[in-house]
Amino acid sequence: MFTKLANTIEMSFEIPQSEKDIAASASEKFDGVVNALGVAKDHLDIMYNPFKKHENISTEAVAARRGVISRFKRQVKENYNKVKASGLKAMQLLNYFATDTHTLELINSFKDSIQDVEKQVTIFMDILDDYKSPDFRANVVSAIEGVKKQSAQVEQLIKERIIDHIDANILAKNWVSNIGDALHMKIQDRVPLVTELFNERQKALENAIPDIQKRPQTMNPGNTQRVYYPTDARESDLTGEY
């Protein structure tokens, strides 16, 4: 276990910073793909929820709203075009590390999964055009479920395999480095605070203790003068006589 950990840490030093920057950008782009998929899936619910809930939607009612269906179709297509565009950018960055067989495998898996989503979206587009079909409602529900299922599989691939691979094998992130980074930030935050508190404490002490100015003294003070000097109290006896 410790040997594996040591190898992982060593690998992080072997990878140039320029390549780490590319890997970090790739990870961000894949996060963007997940976000785009989330938006596209949520938009599908506009049609999915009412069609799923109401089984007795007539063909006439659907035909009367064909303009709404057409606008919905265009938006669905635009949403998934954004998914493909962001996916292409992410894949191009990850392709920099395609000499690694595992990275190449993930790239191909991602490419295939995006193509599967596109196939499901195409099926859905065709169904939306066939709004006069008596099975339109059922076909819409089934098609949307197919798109959602395939989109969820892409999200899972990105989160559980691609980003984890980038973090572990390219950026060499692990629990040691994560905790180390967190502690470093805490130390950076707390050192100025401690310094500030120390300075405030010192200032408070300086303000609390006034400067002691030396009293003027005569060479041979008389008794009337000596009663004002605290040091003379040590020379008196219990009777108060000097």
C-alpha atoms as a PDB file:
ATOM      1  CA  MET A   1       0.000   0.000   0.000  1.00  0.00           C
ATOM      2  CA  PHE A   2       2.748   2.469   0.959  1.00  0.00           C
ATOM      3  CA  THR A   3       4.734   1.513  -2.152  1.00  0.00           C
ATOM      4  CA  LYS A   4       1.728   2.298  -4.351  1.00  0.00           C
ATOM      5  CA  LEU A   5       1.197   5.600  -2.553  1.00  0.00           C
ATOM      6  CA  ALA A   6       4.846   6.502  -2.974  1.00  0.00           C
ATOM      7  CA  ASN A   7       4.695   5.717  -6.682  1.00  0.00           C
ATOM      8  CA  THR A   8       1.627   7.904  -7.063  1.00  0.00           C
ATOM      9  CA  ILE A   9       3.294  10.819  -5.298  1.00  0.00           C
ATOM     10  CA  GLU A  10       6.464  10.329  -7.329  1.00  0.00           C
ATOM     11  CA  MET A  11       4.473  10.347 -10.543  1.00  0.00           C
ATOM     12  CA  SER A  12       3.007  13.726  -9.646  1.00  0.00           C
ATOM     13  CA  PHE A  13       6.507  15.186  -9.689  1.00  0.00           C
ATOM     14  CA  GLU A  14       7.355  13.508 -13.003  1.00  0.00           C
ATOM     15  CA  ILE A  15       4.426  15.115 -14.862  1.00  0.00           C
ATOM     16  CA  PRO A  16       5.309  18.640 -16.062  1.00  0.00           C
ATOM     17  CA  GLN A  17       3.187  21.483 -14.791  1.00  0.00           C
ATOM     18  CA  SER A  18       2.117  22.315 -18.347  1.00  0.00           C
ATOM     19  CA  GLU A  19       0.575  18.853 -18.715  1.00  0.00           C
ATOM     20  CA  LYS A  20      -1.095  19.131 -15.320  1.00  0.00           C
ATOM     21  CA  ASP A  21      -2.685  22.379 -16.493  1.00  0.00           C
ATOM     22  CA  ILE A  22      -4.057  20.612 -19.569  1.00  0.00           C
ATOM     23  CA  ALA A  23      -5.411  17.786 -17.403  1.00  0.00           C
ATOM     24  CA  ALA A  24      -7.043  20.257 -15.025  1.00  0.00           C
ATOM     25  CA  SER A  25      -8.678  22.046 -17.963  1.00  0.00           C
ATOM     26  CA  ALA A  26      -9.920  18.707 -19.288  1.00  0.00           C
ATOM     27  CA  SER A  27     -11.454  17.931 -15.910  1.00  0.00           C
ATOM     28  CA  GLU A  28     -13.234  21.306 -15.910  1.00  0.00           C
ATOM     29  CA  LYS A  29     -14.539  20.716 -19.431  1.00  0.00           C
ATOM     30  CA  PHE A  30     -15.941  17.322 -18.446  1.00  0.00           C
ATOM     31  CA  ASP A  31     -17.662  19.011 -15.515  1.00  0.00           C
ATOM     32  CA  GLY A  32     -19.154  21.335 -18.101  1.00  0.00           C
ATOM     33  CA  VAL A  33     -20.478  18.347 -20.052  1.00  0.00           C
ATOM     34  CA  VAL A  34     -22.196  17.085 -16.895  1.00  0.00           C
ATOM     35  CA  ASN A  35     -23.792  20.503 -16.376  1.00  0.00           C
ATOM     36  CA  ALA A  36     -24.964  20.661 -19.998  1.00  0.00           C
ATOM     37  CA  LEU A  37     -26.487  17.195 -19.685  1.00  0.00           C
ATOM     38  CA  GLY A  38     -28.294  18.276 -16.529  1.00  0.00           C
ATOM     39  CA  VAL A  39     -29.844  21.259 -18.305  1.00  0.00           C
ATOM     40  CA  ALA A  40     -30.884  19.113 -21.279  1.00  0.00           C
ATOM     41  CA  LYS A  41     -32.445  16.452 -19.062  1.00  0.00           C
ATOM     42  CA  ASP A  42     -34.356  18.973 -16.964  1.00  0.00           C
ATOM     43  CA  HIS A  43     -35.799  20.539 -20.106  1.00  0.00           C
ATOM     44  CA  LEU A  44     -37.203  17.159 -21.180  1.00  0.00           C
ATOM     45  CA  ASP A  45     -39.410  17.175 -18.077  1.00  0.00           C
ATOM     46  CA  ILE A  46     -41.493  19.989 -19.590  1.00  0.00           C
ATOM     47  CA  MET A  47     -43.065  17.424 -21.890  1.00  0.00           C
ATOM     48  CA  TYR A  48     -42.346  14.235 -19.966  1.00  0.00           C
ATOM     49  CA  ASN A  49     -44.208  15.091 -16.748  1.00  0.00           C
ATOM     50  CA  PRO A  50     -47.619  15.989 -18.251  1.00  0.00           C
ATOM     51  CA  PHE A  51     -47.456  13.158 -20.798  1.00  0.00           C
ATOM     52  CA  LYS A  52     -46.507  10.682 -18.106  1.00  0.00           C
ATOM     53  CA  LYS A  53     -49.243  11.867 -15.775  1.00  0.00           C
ATOM     54  CA  HIS A  54     -52.136  12.147 -18.250  1.00  0.00           C
ATOM     55  CA  GLU A  55     -52.856   9.001 -20.244  1.00  0.00           C
ATOM     56  CA  ASN A  56     -55.920  10.292 -22.117  1.00  0.00           C
ATOM     57  CA  ILE A  57     -54.341  12.945 -24.321  1.00  0.00           C
ATOM     58  CA  SER A  58     -56.213  13.004 -27.608  1.00  0.00           C
ATOM     59  CA  THR A  59     -54.644  13.303 -31.025  1.00  0.00           C
ATOM     60  CA  GLU A  60     -56.676  16.460 -31.623  1.00  0.00           C
ATOM     61  CA  ALA A  61     -55.291  18.083 -28.480  1.00  0.00           C
ATOM     62  CA  VAL A  62     -51.750  17.255 -29.572  1.00  0.00           C
ATOM     63  CA  ALA A  63     -52.326  18.559 -33.097  1.00  0.00           C
ATOM     64  CA  ALA A  64     -53.699  21.806 -31.709  1.00  0.00           C
ATOM     65  CA  ARG A  65     -50.376  22.363 -29.921  1.00  0.00           C
ATOM     66  CA  ARG A  66     -48.055  21.385 -32.755  1.00  0.00           C
ATOM     67  CA  GLY A  67     -46.471  24.864 -32.674  1.00  0.00           C
ATOM     68  CA  VAL A  68     -45.467  24.357 -29.034  1.00  0.00           C
ATOM     69  CA  ILE A  69     -44.163  20.888 -29.865  1.00  0.00           C
ATOM     70  CA  SER A  70     -42.088  22.320 -32.714  1.00  0.00           C
ATOM     71  CA  ARG A  71     -40.483  24.932 -30.460  1.00  0.00           C
ATOM     72  CA  PHE A  72     -39.836  22.287 -27.818  1.00  0.00           C
ATOM     73  CA  LYS A  73     -38.155  20.098 -30.438  1.00  0.00           C
ATOM     74  CA  ARG A  74     -35.816  22.908 -31.505  1.00  0.00           C
ATOM     75  CA  GLN A  75     -34.815  23.563 -27.910  1.00  0.00           C
ATOM     76  CA  VAL A  76     -34.113  19.878 -27.267  1.00  0.00           C
ATOM     77  CA  LYS A  77     -31.890  19.765 -30.344  1.00  0.00           C
ATOM     78  CA  GLU A  78     -30.068  22.940 -29.263  1.00  0.00           C
ATOM     79  CA  ASN A  79     -29.511  21.599 -25.747  1.00  0.00           C
ATOM     80  CA  TYR A  80     -27.944  18.381 -26.943  1.00  0.00           C
ATOM     81  CA  ASN A  81     -25.866  20.186 -29.545  1.00  0.00           C
ATOM     82  CA  LYS A  82     -24.346  22.080 -26.603  1.00  0.00           C
ATOM     83  CA  VAL A  83     -23.654  18.754 -24.912  1.00  0.00           C
ATOM     84  CA  LYS A  84     -21.824  17.514 -28.027  1.00  0.00           C
ATOM     85  CA  ALA A  85     -19.869  20.758 -28.400  1.00  0.00           C
ATOM     86  CA  SER A  86     -18.685  20.760 -24.781  1.00  0.00           C
ATOM     87  CA  GLY A  87     -17.947  17.034 -25.023  1.00  0.00           C
ATOM     88  CA  LEU A  88     -15.785  17.578 -28.087  1.00  0.00           C
ATOM     89  CA  LYS A  89     -13.707  20.248 -26.322  1.00  0.00           C
ATOM     90  CA  ALA A  90     -13.234  18.004 -23.282  1.00  0.00           C
ATOM     91  CA  MET A  91     -12.262  15.042 -25.433  1.00  0.00           C
ATOM     92  CA  GLN A  92      -9.730  17.081 -27.412  1.00  0.00           C
ATOM     93  CA  LEU A  93      -7.949  18.063 -24.179  1.00  0.00           C
ATOM     94  CA  LEU A  94      -7.948  14.519 -22.832  1.00  0.00           C
ATOM     95  CA  ASN A  95      -6.661  13.302 -26.194  1.00  0.00           C
ATOM     96  CA  TYR A  96      -3.333  14.912 -25.257  1.00  0.00           C
ATOM     97  CA  PHE A  97      -2.796  11.897 -22.974  1.00  0.00           C
ATOM     98  CA  ALA A  98      -4.057   9.294 -25.468  1.00  0.00           C
ATOM     99  CA  THR A  99      -0.678   7.554 -25.545  1.00  0.00           C
ATOM    100  CA  ASP A 100      -1.792   5.997 -22.272  1.00  0.00           C
ATOM    101  CA  THR A 101      -3.931   2.957 -23.126  1.00  0.00           C
ATOM    102  CA  HIS A 102      -6.369   3.474 -20.253  1.00  0.00           C
ATOM    103  CA  THR A 103      -6.905   7.120 -21.212  1.00  0.00           C
ATOM    104  CA  LEU A 104      -7.513   6.109 -24.831  1.00  0.00           C
ATOM    105  CA  GLU A 105     -10.046   3.527 -23.670  1.00  0.00           C
ATOM    106  CA  LEU A 106     -11.915   6.212 -21.715  1.00  0.00           C
ATOM    107  CA  ILE A 107     -11.881   8.565 -24.702  1.00  0.00           C
ATOM    108  CA  ASN A 108     -13.394   5.885 -26.927  1.00  0.00           C
ATOM    109  CA  SER A 109     -15.990   5.000 -24.295  1.00  0.00           C
ATOM    110  CA  PHE A 110     -16.983   8.647 -23.979  1.00  0.00           C
ATOM    111  CA  LYS A 111     -17.201   9.039 -27.756  1.00  0.00           C
ATOM    112  CA  ASP A 112     -19.436   5.961 -28.045  1.00  0.00           C
ATOM    113  CA  SER A 113     -21.670   7.086 -25.175  1.00  0.00           C
ATOM    114  CA  ILE A 114     -22.217  10.519 -26.736  1.00  0.00           C
ATOM    115  CA  GLN A 115     -23.112   8.831 -30.018  1.00  0.00           C
ATOM    116  CA  ASP A 116     -25.633   6.664 -28.153  1.00  0.00           C
ATOM    117  CA  VAL A 117     -27.210   9.795 -26.674  1.00  0.00           C
ATOM    118  CA  GLU A 118     -27.392  11.338 -30.133  1.00  0.00           C
ATOM    119  CA  LYS A 119     -29.178   8.239 -31.462  1.00  0.00           C
ATOM    120  CA  GLN A 120     -31.767   8.450 -28.695  1.00  0.00           C
ATOM    121  CA  VAL A 121     -32.294  12.161 -29.351  1.00  0.00           C
ATOM    122  CA  THR A 122     -32.781  11.456 -33.084  1.00  0.00           C
ATOM    123  CA  ILE A 123     -35.415   8.839 -32.265  1.00  0.00           C
ATOM    124  CA  PHE A 124     -37.175  11.381 -30.052  1.00  0.00           C
ATOM    125  CA  MET A 125     -37.059  14.033 -32.807  1.00  0.00           C
ATOM    126  CA  ASP A 126     -38.701  11.636 -35.255  1.00  0.00           C
ATOM    127  CA  ILE A 127     -41.456  10.818 -32.743  1.00  0.00           C
ATOM    128  CA  LEU A 128     -42.207  14.504 -32.214  1.00  0.00           C
ATOM    129  CA  ASP A 129     -42.760  14.856 -35.952  1.00  0.00           C
ATOM    130  CA  ASP A 130     -45.340  12.064 -35.868  1.00  0.00           C
ATOM    131  CA  TYR A 131     -47.767  13.960 -33.623  1.00  0.00           C
ATOM    132  CA  LYS A 132     -50.811  12.549 -35.462  1.00  0.00           C
ATOM    133  CA  SER A 133     -50.037   9.005 -34.336  1.00  0.00           C
ATOM    134  CA  PRO A 134     -52.531   7.525 -31.830  1.00  0.00           C
ATOM    135  CA  ASP A 135     -49.522   6.236 -29.871  1.00  0.00           C
ATOM    136  CA  PHE A 136     -47.871   9.645 -29.731  1.00  0.00           C
ATOM    137  CA  ARG A 137     -48.147  10.050 -25.961  1.00  0.00           C
ATOM    138  CA  ALA A 138     -46.726   6.603 -25.165  1.00  0.00           C
ATOM    139  CA  ASN A 139     -43.973   6.989 -27.747  1.00  0.00           C
ATOM    140  CA  VAL A 140     -42.972  10.370 -26.333  1.00  0.00           C
ATOM    141  CA  VAL A 141     -42.739   9.004 -22.791  1.00  0.00           C
ATOM    142  CA  SER A 142     -40.689   6.005 -23.932  1.00  0.00           C
ATOM    143  CA  ALA A 143     -38.348   8.113 -26.074  1.00  0.00           C
ATOM    144  CA  ILE A 144     -37.697  10.653 -23.317  1.00  0.00           C
ATOM    145  CA  GLU A 145     -36.913   7.861 -20.880  1.00  0.00           C
ATOM    146  CA  GLY A 146     -34.445   6.489 -23.414  1.00  0.00           C
ATOM    147  CA  VAL A 147     -32.697   9.862 -23.756  1.00  0.00           C
ATOM    148  CA  LYS A 148     -32.604  10.360 -19.991  1.00  0.00           C
ATOM    149  CA  LYS A 149     -31.212   6.879 -19.380  1.00  0.00           C
ATOM    150  CA  GLN A 150     -28.442   7.319 -21.923  1.00  0.00           C
ATOM    151  CA  SER A 151     -27.632  10.801 -20.605  1.00  0.00           C
ATOM    152  CA  ALA A 152     -27.363   9.424 -17.061  1.00  0.00           C
ATOM    153  CA  GLN A 153     -24.903   6.793 -18.281  1.00  0.00           C
ATOM    154  CA  VAL A 154     -22.691   9.517 -19.763  1.00  0.00           C
ATOM    155  CA  GLU A 155     -22.797  11.428 -16.481  1.00  0.00           C
ATOM    156  CA  GLN A 156     -21.792   8.300 -14.595  1.00  0.00           C
ATOM    157  CA  LEU A 157     -18.939   7.620 -17.012  1.00  0.00           C
ATOM    158  CA  ILE A 158     -17.620  11.156 -16.573  1.00  0.00           C
ATOM    159  CA  LYS A 159     -17.936  11.331 -12.783  1.00  0.00           C
ATOM    160  CA  GLU A 160     -16.872   7.825 -11.787  1.00  0.00           C
ATOM    161  CA  ARG A 161     -14.283   7.002 -14.433  1.00  0.00           C
ATOM    162  CA  ILE A 162     -12.984   9.916 -16.474  1.00  0.00           C
ATOM    163  CA  ILE A 163     -12.592  12.592 -13.786  1.00  0.00           C
ATOM    164  CA  ASP A 164     -11.370  10.012 -11.262  1.00  0.00           C
ATOM    165  CA  HIS A 165      -8.782   8.846 -13.802  1.00  0.00           C
ATOM    166  CA  ILE A 166      -7.583  12.405 -14.415  1.00  0.00           C
ATOM    167  CA  ASP A 167      -7.322  13.117 -10.690  1.00  0.00           C
ATOM    168  CA  ALA A 168      -5.603   9.858  -9.737  1.00  0.00           C
ATOM    169  CA  ASN A 169      -3.342   9.117 -12.702  1.00  0.00           C
ATOM    170  CA  ILE A 170      -2.527  12.501 -14.220  1.00  0.00           C
ATOM    171  CA  LEU A 171      -2.930  15.087 -11.474  1.00  0.00           C
ATOM    172  CA  ALA A 172      -1.993  12.448  -8.853  1.00  0.00           C
ATOM    173  CA  LYS A 173      -4.575  13.676  -6.381  1.00  0.00           C
ATOM    174  CA  ASN A 174      -5.186  11.508  -3.327  1.00  0.00           C
ATOM    175  CA  TRP A 175      -6.292  11.851   0.274  1.00  0.00           C
ATOM    176  CA  VAL A 176      -2.767  12.826   1.355  1.00  0.00           C
ATOM    177  CA  SER A 177      -2.474  15.686  -1.120  1.00  0.00           C
ATOM    178  CA  ASN A 178      -6.046  16.832  -0.494  1.00  0.00           C
ATOM    179  CA  ILE A 179      -5.527  17.002   3.272  1.00  0.00           C
ATOM    180  CA  GLY A 180      -2.134  18.597   2.748  1.00  0.00           C
ATOM    181  CA  ASP A 181      -3.639  21.318   0.569  1.00  0.00           C
ATOM    182  CA  ALA A 182      -6.395  21.940   3.102  1.00  0.00           C
ATOM    183  CA  LEU A 183      -3.954  22.196   5.992  1.00  0.00           C
ATOM    184  CA  HIS A 184      -1.693  24.484   4.003  1.00  0.00           C
ATOM    185  CA  MET A 185      -4.594  26.853   3.334  1.00  0.00           C
ATOM    186  CA  LYS A 186      -5.592  26.811   6.995  1.00  0.00           C
ATOM    187  CA  ILE A 187      -2.030  27.625   8.059  1.00  0.00           C
ATOM    188  CA  GLN A 188      -1.864  30.437   5.509  1.00  0.00           C
ATOM    189  CA  ASP A 189      -5.116  31.828   6.864  1.00  0.00           C
ATOM    190  CA  ARG A 190      -4.236  31.532  10.532  1.00  0.00           C
ATOM    191  CA  VAL A 191      -0.661  32.857  10.590  1.00  0.00           C
ATOM    192  CA  PRO A 192      -1.678  36.466   9.783  1.00  0.00           C
ATOM    193  CA  LEU A 193      -4.476  36.211  12.358  1.00  0.00           C
ATOM    194  CA  VAL A 194      -2.090  35.059  15.078  1.00  0.00           C
ATOM    195  CA  THR A 195       0.328  37.816  14.179  1.00  0.00           C
ATOM    196  CA  GLU A 196      -2.439  40.393  14.268  1.00  0.00           C
ATOM    197  CA  LEU A 197      -3.655  39.215  17.674  1.00  0.00           C
ATOM    198  CA  PHE A 198      -0.111  39.304  19.047  1.00  0.00           C
ATOM    199  CA  ASN A 199       0.394  42.849  17.812  1.00  0.00           C
ATOM    200  CA  GLU A 200      -2.911  43.943  19.306  1.00  0.00           C
ATOM    201  CA  ARG A 201      -1.975  42.368  22.628  1.00  0.00           C
ATOM    202  CA  GLN A 202       1.381  44.107  22.675  1.00  0.00           C
ATOM    203  CA  LYS A 203      -0.234  47.437  21.891  1.00  0.00           C
ATOM    204  CA  ALA A 204      -2.773  46.925  24.681  1.00  0.00           C
ATOM    205  CA  LEU A 205      -0.022  46.178  27.181  1.00  0.00           C
ATOM    206  CA  GLU A 206       1.923  49.252  26.148  1.00  0.00           C
ATOM    207  CA  ASN A 207      -1.135  51.455  26.581  1.00  0.00           C
ATOM    208  CA  ALA A 208      -1.968  49.940  29.975  1.00  0.00           C
ATOM    209  CA  ILE A 209       1.473  50.672  31.516  1.00  0.00           C
ATOM    210  CA  PRO A 210       2.210  54.438  31.683  1.00  0.00           C
ATOM    211  CA  ASP A 211       5.753  55.712  31.422  1.00  0.00           C
ATOM    212  CA  ILE A 212       7.327  56.125  34.871  1.00  0.00           C
ATOM    213  CA  GLN A 213       8.925  59.515  35.117  1.00  0.00           C
ATOM    214  CA  LYS A 214      11.606  59.985  37.700  1.00  0.00           C
ATOM    215  CA  ARG A 215      10.622  62.409  40.466  1.00  0.00           C
ATOM    216  CA  PRO A 216      12.955  65.275  41.176  1.00  0.00           C
ATOM    217  CA  GLN A 217      14.934  64.737  44.364  1.00  0.00           C
ATOM    218  CA  THR A 218      16.984  67.040  46.570  1.00  0.00           C
ATOM    219  CA  MET A 219      20.327  65.984  47.874  1.00  0.00           C
ATOM    220  CA  ASN A 220      19.102  66.023  51.517  1.00  0.00           C
ATOM    221  CA  PRO A 221      15.337  65.754  51.634  1.00  0.00           C
ATOM    222  CA  GLY A 222      13.613  66.837  54.799  1.00  0.00           C
ATOM    223  CA  ASN A 223      10.900  64.935  56.624  1.00  0.00           C
ATOM    224  CA  THR A 224       8.146  66.866  54.862  1.00  0.00           C
ATOM    225  CA  GLN A 225       9.531  65.798  51.542  1.00  0.00           C
ATOM    226  CA  ARG A 226      10.252  62.148  52.394  1.00  0.00           C
ATOM    227  CA  VAL A 227       6.635  61.205  53.052  1.00  0.00           C
ATOM    228  CA  TYR A 228       5.909  61.460  49.323  1.00  0.00           C
ATOM    229  CA  TYR A 229       8.498  58.851  48.338  1.00  0.00           C
ATOM    230  CA  PRO A 230       7.274  55.254  48.343  1.00  0.00           C
ATOM    231  CA  THR A 231      10.824  53.930  48.742  1.00  0.00           C
ATOM    232  CA  ASP A 232      11.068  55.633  52.121  1.00  0.00           C
ATOM    233  CA  ALA A 233       8.304  53.429  53.508  1.00  0.00           C
ATOM    234  CA  ARG A 234      10.725  50.535  53.704  1.00  0.00           C
ATOM    235  CA  GLU A 235      12.893  52.579  56.089  1.00  0.00           C
ATOM    236  CA  SER A 236      10.091  53.306  58.614  1.00  0.00           C
ATOM    237  CA  ASP A 237       9.335  51.279  61.712  1.00  0.00           C
ATOM    238  CA  LEU A 238       5.938  50.191  63.007  1.00  0.00           C
ATOM    239  CA  THR A 239       5.526  53.397  64.990  1.00  0.00           C
ATOM    240  CA  GLY A 240       5.723  55.541  61.870  1.00  0.00           C
ATOM    241  CA  GLU A 241       8.962  57.182  63.080  1.00  0.00           C
ATOM    242  CA  TYR A 242      11.963  57.389  60.804  1.00  0.00           C
END
